[in-house]
Amino acid sequence: MSGLAPFREGLVLRDLVPWLSVFPDPATWSVRMRRASLTLPPADAELVRTELEPLLRPYGETREGYCWGPEAA
């Protein structure tokens, strides 16, 4: 893991669906996401990586934002 996007500030995959070949029918993309695993073709993986990298922050700076519940208090 090279970084972590701040909680609720990550990549919105839905916005990339029209450009991802792994979803041939954008209208039914969420059905494919319900599979146990989804292998991205290399071009799709590169697009996701390109869009995600600017959002990443060091793990130590962002991990606490993912804690909630009694232990986070």
Protein backbone atom coordinates (compact mmCIF):
# COMPACT_ATOMS: atom_id res chain seq x y z
CA MET A 1 0.00 0.00 0.00
CA SER A 2 1.55 3.27 -1.07
CA GLY A 3 -0.99 5.58 0.52
CA LEU A 4 -4.53 6.14 1.59
CA ALA A 5 -7.09 8.68 0.42
CA PRO A 6 -8.66 10.62 3.28
CA PHE A 7 -11.98 9.14 4.46
CA ARG A 8 -14.82 10.03 2.08
CA GLU A 9 -12.39 11.88 -0.22
CA GLY A 10 -11.35 9.00 -2.43
CA LEU A 11 -11.97 8.17 -6.03
CA VAL A 12 -15.59 7.92 -7.21
CA LEU A 13 -15.44 4.84 -9.41
CA ARG A 14 -18.90 5.53 -10.84
CA ASP A 15 -17.49 8.64 -12.53
CA LEU A 16 -14.92 6.54 -14.43
CA VAL A 17 -17.31 3.81 -15.62
CA PRO A 18 -17.80 5.26 -19.13
CA TRP A 19 -14.02 5.04 -19.72
CA LEU A 20 -13.40 1.60 -18.20
CA SER A 21 -13.54 -1.33 -20.62
CA VAL A 22 -14.21 -3.77 -17.78
CA PHE A 23 -17.76 -2.36 -17.73
CA PRO A 24 -19.03 -2.88 -21.29
CA ASP A 25 -22.54 -1.72 -20.34
CA PRO A 26 -22.33 1.36 -18.09
CA ALA A 27 -25.99 0.94 -17.14
CA THR A 28 -25.24 -2.35 -15.34
CA TRP A 29 -21.76 -1.64 -13.97
CA SER A 30 -22.78 -2.11 -10.32
CA VAL A 31 -23.78 -5.73 -10.99
CA ARG A 32 -20.22 -6.53 -12.05
CA MET A 33 -18.92 -4.88 -8.88
CA ARG A 34 -20.82 -7.42 -6.76
CA ARG A 35 -18.52 -10.21 -7.89
CA ALA A 36 -15.98 -11.61 -5.46
CA SER A 37 -13.20 -10.23 -7.62
CA LEU A 38 -12.97 -8.08 -10.68
CA THR A 39 -9.78 -8.11 -12.72
CA LEU A 40 -9.04 -4.80 -14.40
CA PRO A 41 -7.45 -4.84 -17.83
CA PRO A 42 -4.07 -3.03 -17.82
CA ALA A 43 -5.46 0.13 -19.46
CA ASP A 44 -8.28 0.31 -16.90
CA ALA A 45 -5.86 -0.21 -14.02
CA GLU A 46 -3.67 2.60 -15.33
CA LEU A 47 -6.64 4.97 -15.56
CA VAL A 48 -7.70 4.19 -11.98
CA ARG A 49 -4.09 4.58 -10.77
CA THR A 50 -3.72 7.91 -12.58
CA GLU A 51 -6.93 9.26 -11.04
CA LEU A 52 -6.24 7.88 -7.55
CA GLU A 53 -2.58 8.81 -7.03
CA PRO A 54 -3.16 12.56 -6.54
CA LEU A 55 -5.63 11.75 -3.75
CA LEU A 56 -3.28 9.52 -1.76
CA ARG A 57 -1.71 10.67 1.49
CA PRO A 58 0.73 8.84 3.76
CA TYR A 59 -1.01 6.05 5.68
CA GLY A 60 0.03 7.44 9.06
CA GLU A 61 -1.58 10.80 8.31
CA THR A 62 -4.92 9.40 7.16
CA ARG A 63 -5.61 6.14 8.99
CA GLU A 64 -7.21 7.77 12.02
CA GLY A 65 -9.89 9.26 9.77
CA TYR A 66 -11.12 5.72 9.11
CA CYS A 67 -11.70 4.97 12.81
CA TRP A 68 -15.15 5.47 14.23
CA GLY A 69 -17.12 4.03 17.10
CA PRO A 70 -16.27 3.86 20.81
CA GLU A 71 -12.58 3.04 20.26
CA ALA A 72 -12.12 6.25 18.22
CA ALA A 73 -13.20 8.51 21.09
